[in-house]
Amino acid sequence: MKRVINFMGIRSVAFACTVILTVLSLGSLAIKGLNFGLDFTGGTLIELSYESPVQLEEVREQLAEQGYPEAVVQSFGATTDVLVRMPSDDPQLGVRIAEALDSEDAGNAATVKRVEFVGPAVGEELRDQGGLGMLLALGGILVYVAFRFQWKFGFGAVISLFHDVIIALGVFSFFQLTFDLTVLAAVLAIIGYSLNDTIVIFDRIRENFRMLRKADLIENINISTTQTLLRTLATSISTLLAVLALMVFGGENLWGFSLALFVGVLAGTYSSVYIASPILIWLKLTREDLIPPVTEEVDERP
């Protein structure tokens, strides 16, 4: 048999690191909170059309020079269409934005195509629905894993997913990075990614319970994690490289999304090994837990 890595030998140290990071994240969320973007707080959306293609970075710099540093600038369809979002409910803001941009670049005039206002009530509804969707996703995962494996596996999987989400949210809270709908989508993607990694290890643990008759639970977990290590590293590294490329070349609009995924993939890889599996040890999982209960047949003949 190949060399088995003693992952569980440092589970106490890993648990201490987990507690520290989780407490820091929860503390930051309680004290600083999240820096919600316009998707949640409300604001004005302005669609502009230029006569010729324009660079988004130039538009951001022009707006900052004109006193609008908080403006969020995005491409919208063609290279001549630009979407500007700002935390304001002024109905004349669109006209002033177009005038400010025209004064900076008279050779490429900007025309206002539409101005829409998203109220705080809509933003609060989006925020509440997003949080509810996340809780429903975690609840569904608990039921699925408990049904496919056993409730102890389901509990370990959900706790590790909570850890991943809290760490990702803690990073955005501590550095006060903008939390918008794209970041929320990334958080939901983290849940799916981390669960997939955890399921692979859990499946191998269950198989090894049948194959390794003399191995105890800790030895089983070490063997199972070692057997799936190459698969875990290959998946994590390839995903991190893709997300890193997105962070570098995806532009400002996708930076928060890619950062949340980057943090989530790291946290998910860690939690699959040092949170989900140790919980099985603390819950004292046994081989008998995986044996389906025997139902007694009742003889109904007279």
Protein backbone atom coordinates (compact mmCIF):
# COMPACT_ATOMS: atom_id res chain seq x y z
CA MET A 1 0.00 0.00 0.00
CA LYS A 2 1.19 3.52 -0.76
CA ARG A 3 2.29 5.82 2.01
CA VAL A 4 -0.68 7.16 3.98
CA ILE A 5 -0.57 10.81 5.05
CA ASN A 6 -1.64 11.36 8.65
CA PHE A 7 -4.06 14.23 7.98
CA MET A 8 -5.93 13.72 11.23
CA GLY A 9 -2.74 13.94 13.27
CA ILE A 10 -2.95 17.74 13.21
CA ARG A 11 -6.72 18.02 13.46
CA SER A 12 -6.46 19.81 16.82
CA VAL A 13 -4.21 22.50 15.33
CA ALA A 14 -6.49 22.78 12.32
CA PHE A 15 -9.50 23.10 14.64
CA ALA A 16 -7.81 25.97 16.52
CA CYS A 17 -7.08 27.78 13.24
CA THR A 18 -10.65 27.20 12.11
CA VAL A 19 -12.08 28.66 15.32
CA ILE A 20 -9.83 31.73 15.11
CA LEU A 21 -10.69 32.49 11.48
CA THR A 22 -14.40 31.85 12.03
CA VAL A 23 -14.53 34.09 15.11
CA LEU A 24 -12.67 36.87 13.28
CA SER A 25 -15.06 36.59 10.33
CA LEU A 26 -18.16 36.60 12.52
CA GLY A 27 -16.75 39.52 14.53
CA SER A 28 -16.13 41.53 11.39
CA LEU A 29 -19.63 40.75 10.10
CA ALA A 30 -21.14 41.82 13.44
CA ILE A 31 -19.10 45.03 13.79
CA LYS A 32 -18.48 46.21 10.22
CA GLY A 33 -21.18 44.34 8.36
CA LEU A 34 -21.16 43.94 4.59
CA ASN A 35 -20.62 46.82 2.18
CA PHE A 36 -23.72 46.19 0.09
CA GLY A 37 -23.64 47.40 -3.49
CA LEU A 38 -26.35 49.24 -5.40
CA ASP A 39 -28.11 45.94 -6.12
CA PHE A 40 -29.10 45.85 -2.46
CA THR A 41 -29.06 49.49 -1.31
CA GLY A 42 -30.80 51.05 -4.28
CA GLY A 43 -29.62 53.80 -6.63
CA THR A 44 -29.85 55.22 -10.13
CA LEU A 45 -29.07 53.28 -13.29
CA ILE A 46 -28.08 55.31 -16.35
CA GLU A 47 -27.62 53.85 -19.83
CA LEU A 48 -25.39 55.95 -22.09
CA SER A 49 -24.71 55.62 -25.81
CA TYR A 50 -21.51 56.97 -27.36
CA GLU A 51 -20.93 57.90 -30.98
CA SER A 52 -17.82 55.70 -31.13
CA PRO A 53 -16.38 52.92 -28.92
CA VAL A 54 -15.15 54.04 -25.51
CA GLN A 55 -12.91 52.51 -22.83
CA LEU A 56 -14.63 51.86 -19.49
CA GLU A 57 -11.54 52.91 -17.51
CA GLU A 58 -11.59 56.30 -19.24
CA VAL A 59 -15.26 56.76 -18.31
CA ARG A 60 -14.50 55.91 -14.66
CA GLU A 61 -11.64 58.42 -14.57
CA GLN A 62 -13.78 61.12 -16.16
CA LEU A 63 -16.59 60.60 -13.65
CA ALA A 64 -14.13 60.63 -10.74
CA GLU A 65 -12.67 63.93 -11.97
CA GLN A 66 -16.18 65.39 -12.18
CA GLY A 67 -16.98 64.45 -8.58
CA TYR A 68 -18.57 61.00 -9.02
CA PRO A 69 -15.92 58.57 -7.66
CA GLU A 70 -18.58 56.11 -6.42
CA ALA A 71 -19.96 55.47 -9.92
CA VAL A 72 -19.99 51.85 -11.11
CA VAL A 73 -19.31 51.66 -14.86
CA GLN A 74 -20.09 48.58 -16.94
CA SER A 75 -20.26 47.69 -20.61
CA PHE A 76 -23.76 47.05 -21.90
CA GLY A 77 -24.19 45.28 -25.22
CA ALA A 78 -22.23 47.09 -27.92
CA THR A 79 -18.85 48.76 -27.34
CA THR A 80 -20.57 52.14 -27.62
CA ASP A 81 -23.08 51.43 -24.83
CA VAL A 82 -22.17 52.04 -21.19
CA LEU A 83 -24.13 51.42 -17.99
CA VAL A 84 -23.49 53.70 -15.01
CA ARG A 85 -24.88 52.95 -11.55
CA MET A 86 -24.76 55.44 -8.70
CA PRO A 87 -26.22 55.66 -5.16
CA SER A 88 -28.62 58.53 -5.84
CA ASP A 89 -32.32 59.11 -6.49
CA ASP A 90 -31.93 62.42 -8.36
CA PRO A 91 -34.07 62.28 -11.55
CA GLN A 92 -31.72 64.81 -13.24
CA LEU A 93 -28.61 62.79 -12.50
CA GLY A 94 -28.54 61.16 -15.93
CA VAL A 95 -28.45 64.52 -17.70
CA ARG A 96 -25.67 65.79 -15.45
CA ILE A 97 -23.63 62.63 -15.99
CA ALA A 98 -23.93 62.98 -19.78
CA GLU A 99 -22.93 66.66 -19.57
CA ALA A 100 -19.93 65.80 -17.38
CA LEU A 101 -18.74 63.18 -19.84
CA ASP A 102 -19.34 65.47 -22.85
CA SER A 103 -17.24 68.20 -21.24
CA GLU A 104 -14.35 65.77 -20.91
CA ASP A 105 -14.52 64.34 -24.42
CA ALA A 106 -16.26 66.65 -26.88
CA GLY A 107 -15.30 64.45 -29.84
CA ASN A 108 -17.29 61.47 -28.57
CA ALA A 109 -20.61 62.70 -27.18
CA ALA A 110 -22.63 60.58 -24.76
CA THR A 111 -26.41 60.37 -25.09
CA VAL A 112 -28.71 59.26 -22.27
CA LYS A 113 -30.88 56.36 -23.44
CA ARG A 114 -32.65 55.61 -20.17
CA VAL A 115 -32.56 56.41 -16.46
CA GLU A 116 -34.02 54.03 -13.88
CA PHE A 117 -34.17 54.21 -10.11
CA VAL A 118 -33.98 51.12 -7.90
CA GLY A 119 -35.40 51.89 -4.48
CA PRO A 120 -34.05 50.59 -1.17
CA ALA A 121 -37.14 48.41 -0.75
CA VAL A 122 -36.23 46.45 -3.87
CA GLY A 123 -32.65 46.16 -2.64
CA GLU A 124 -33.80 44.83 0.74
CA GLU A 125 -36.03 42.30 -1.01
CA LEU A 126 -33.10 41.08 -3.11
CA ARG A 127 -30.93 40.81 -0.01
CA ASP A 128 -33.57 38.87 1.94
CA GLN A 129 -34.31 36.54 -0.96
CA GLY A 130 -30.60 35.91 -1.50
CA GLY A 131 -30.09 35.00 2.15
CA LEU A 132 -33.17 32.79 2.11
CA GLY A 133 -31.93 31.07 -1.03
CA MET A 134 -28.61 30.35 0.66
CA LEU A 135 -30.32 28.84 3.72
CA LEU A 136 -32.60 26.72 1.54
CA ALA A 137 -29.58 25.48 -0.40
CA LEU A 138 -27.83 24.44 2.82
CA GLY A 139 -31.01 22.76 4.10
CA GLY A 140 -31.44 20.83 0.86
CA ILE A 141 -27.80 19.71 1.01
CA LEU A 142 -28.28 18.45 4.57
CA VAL A 143 -31.27 16.36 3.51
CA TYR A 144 -29.50 15.04 0.40
CA VAL A 145 -26.29 13.99 2.17
CA ALA A 146 -28.18 12.50 5.11
CA PHE A 147 -30.32 10.47 2.70
CA ARG A 148 -27.41 9.34 0.52
CA PHE A 149 -25.00 8.56 3.38
CA GLN A 150 -26.06 9.02 6.99
CA TRP A 151 -27.07 11.99 9.15
CA LYS A 152 -23.56 12.31 10.63
CA PHE A 153 -22.16 12.81 7.14
CA GLY A 154 -24.86 15.38 6.41
CA PHE A 155 -24.10 17.31 9.59
CA GLY A 156 -20.37 17.39 8.79
CA ALA A 157 -21.00 18.55 5.22
CA VAL A 158 -23.29 21.41 6.25
CA ILE A 159 -20.93 22.62 9.00
CA SER A 160 -18.05 22.72 6.50
CA LEU A 161 -20.23 24.66 4.04
CA PHE A 162 -21.17 27.16 6.75
CA HIS A 163 -17.45 27.61 7.39
CA ASP A 164 -16.73 28.30 3.71
CA VAL A 165 -19.53 30.86 3.41
CA ILE A 166 -18.59 32.62 6.66
CA ILE A 167 -14.92 32.89 5.64
CA ALA A 168 -15.82 34.34 2.23
CA LEU A 169 -18.26 36.83 3.77
CA GLY A 170 -15.70 37.67 6.46
CA VAL A 171 -13.11 38.64 3.85
CA PHE A 172 -15.57 40.98 2.14
CA SER A 173 -16.63 42.43 5.48
CA PHE A 174 -13.11 42.95 6.87
CA PHE A 175 -11.84 44.74 3.75
CA GLN A 176 -15.24 46.40 3.11
CA LEU A 177 -15.35 45.16 -0.47
CA THR A 178 -18.56 45.74 -2.41
CA PHE A 179 -21.04 42.89 -1.96
CA ASP A 180 -23.45 42.74 -4.90
CA LEU A 181 -25.48 40.11 -6.74
CA THR A 182 -22.44 38.76 -8.59
CA VAL A 183 -20.69 38.10 -5.27
CA LEU A 184 -23.84 36.44 -3.93
CA ALA A 185 -23.84 34.19 -7.00
CA ALA A 186 -20.20 33.32 -6.26
CA VAL A 187 -21.09 32.41 -2.66
CA LEU A 188 -23.78 30.03 -3.90
CA ALA A 189 -21.26 28.54 -6.35
CA ILE A 190 -18.86 28.01 -3.43
CA ILE A 191 -21.48 25.87 -1.71
CA GLY A 192 -21.75 23.60 -4.74
CA TYR A 193 -17.99 23.35 -5.24
CA SER A 194 -17.18 22.58 -1.63
CA LEU A 195 -19.95 20.00 -1.38
CA ASN A 196 -18.63 18.14 -4.42
CA ASP A 197 -15.18 17.90 -2.86
CA THR A 198 -16.62 16.70 0.45
CA ILE A 199 -18.84 14.09 -1.19
CA VAL A 200 -15.84 12.52 -2.95
CA ILE A 201 -14.03 12.01 0.37
CA PHE A 202 -17.18 10.81 2.14
CA ASP A 203 -17.85 8.30 -0.62
CA ARG A 204 -14.36 6.87 -0.28
CA ILE A 205 -14.70 6.68 3.52
CA ARG A 206 -17.91 4.71 3.13
CA GLU A 207 -16.31 2.33 0.62
CA ASN A 208 -13.28 1.78 2.84
CA PHE A 209 -15.51 0.86 5.76
CA ARG A 210 -16.44 -2.22 3.74
CA MET A 211 -12.93 -2.94 2.42
CA LEU A 212 -10.75 -2.13 5.45
CA ARG A 213 -12.27 -4.34 8.12
CA LYS A 214 -9.51 -3.84 10.71
CA ALA A 215 -9.00 -0.08 10.23
CA ASP A 216 -10.48 2.30 12.78
CA LEU A 217 -12.23 5.54 11.82
CA ILE A 218 -9.16 7.80 11.99
CA GLU A 219 -7.09 5.40 9.90
CA ASN A 220 -9.96 5.10 7.44
CA ILE A 221 -10.17 8.89 7.05
CA ASN A 222 -6.41 9.19 6.54
CA ILE A 223 -6.42 6.45 3.91
CA SER A 224 -9.49 7.84 2.14
CA THR A 225 -8.16 11.40 2.08
CA THR A 226 -4.78 10.19 0.79
CA GLN A 227 -6.46 8.19 -1.97
CA THR A 228 -8.48 11.22 -3.12
CA LEU A 229 -5.66 13.75 -2.62
CA LEU A 230 -4.48 13.87 -6.23
CA ARG A 231 -8.03 14.33 -7.46
CA THR A 232 -8.64 17.10 -4.90
CA LEU A 233 -5.41 18.94 -5.76
CA ALA A 234 -5.97 18.64 -9.51
CA THR A 235 -9.50 20.02 -9.22
CA SER A 236 -8.58 22.81 -6.80
CA ILE A 237 -5.45 23.98 -8.64
CA SER A 238 -7.13 24.00 -12.05
CA THR A 239 -10.11 25.89 -10.63
CA LEU A 240 -7.85 28.40 -8.85
CA LEU A 241 -5.89 29.04 -12.04
CA ALA A 242 -9.09 29.73 -13.96
CA VAL A 243 -10.42 32.02 -11.23
CA LEU A 244 -7.04 33.81 -10.99
CA ALA A 245 -7.15 34.48 -14.73
CA LEU A 246 -10.64 35.87 -14.27
CA MET A 247 -9.41 38.15 -11.47
CA VAL A 248 -6.56 39.50 -13.61
CA PHE A 249 -8.27 39.81 -16.98
CA GLY A 250 -11.98 39.91 -16.12
CA GLY A 251 -12.04 43.61 -15.28
CA GLU A 252 -13.45 45.50 -12.32
CA ASN A 253 -17.00 44.20 -12.77
CA LEU A 254 -15.98 40.56 -12.26
CA TRP A 255 -13.25 41.14 -9.69
CA GLY A 256 -15.51 40.72 -6.65
CA PHE A 257 -17.10 37.60 -8.16
CA SER A 258 -13.72 36.01 -8.90
CA LEU A 259 -12.26 37.00 -5.50
CA ALA A 260 -15.18 35.36 -3.67
CA LEU A 261 -14.65 32.19 -5.73
CA PHE A 262 -10.91 32.24 -5.05
CA VAL A 263 -11.42 32.48 -1.29
CA GLY A 264 -14.22 29.92 -1.43
CA VAL A 265 -12.18 27.33 -3.33
CA LEU A 266 -9.33 27.61 -0.82
CA ALA A 267 -11.71 27.40 2.13
CA GLY A 268 -13.66 24.56 0.53
CA THR A 269 -10.57 22.45 -0.08
CA TYR A 270 -9.46 22.97 3.52
CA SER A 271 -12.87 22.32 5.06
CA SER A 272 -13.38 19.07 3.15
CA VAL A 273 -10.35 17.63 4.92
CA TYR A 274 -10.16 19.39 8.28
CA ILE A 275 -13.79 20.19 9.12
CA ALA A 276 -16.12 17.66 7.50
CA SER A 277 -13.96 14.62 8.31
CA PRO A 278 -13.05 15.50 11.95
CA ILE A 279 -16.75 16.00 12.68
CA LEU A 280 -17.23 12.31 11.85
CA ILE A 281 -14.66 11.53 14.54
CA TRP A 282 -16.36 13.77 17.12
CA LEU A 283 -19.73 12.20 16.31
CA LYS A 284 -18.12 8.75 16.68
CA LEU A 285 -19.13 7.33 13.32
CA THR A 286 -19.04 3.55 13.31
CA ARG A 287 -19.35 0.83 10.70
CA GLU A 288 -22.75 -0.05 12.18
CA ASP A 289 -24.04 3.45 11.34
CA LEU A 290 -23.79 2.59 7.65
CA ILE A 291 -25.64 -0.72 7.93
CA PRO A 292 -29.28 -0.24 6.88
CA PRO A 293 -31.75 -1.25 9.60
CA VAL A 294 -33.31 -4.66 9.25
CA THR A 295 -37.08 -4.57 8.95
CA GLU A 296 -38.93 -7.51 10.36
CA GLU A 297 -41.48 -9.10 8.09
CA VAL A 298 -44.88 -9.61 9.69
CA ASP A 299 -46.69 -12.79 8.80
CA GLU A 300 -50.26 -11.72 8.12
CA ARG A 301 -51.52 -15.20 7.31
CA PRO A 302 -54.31 -16.43 9.60
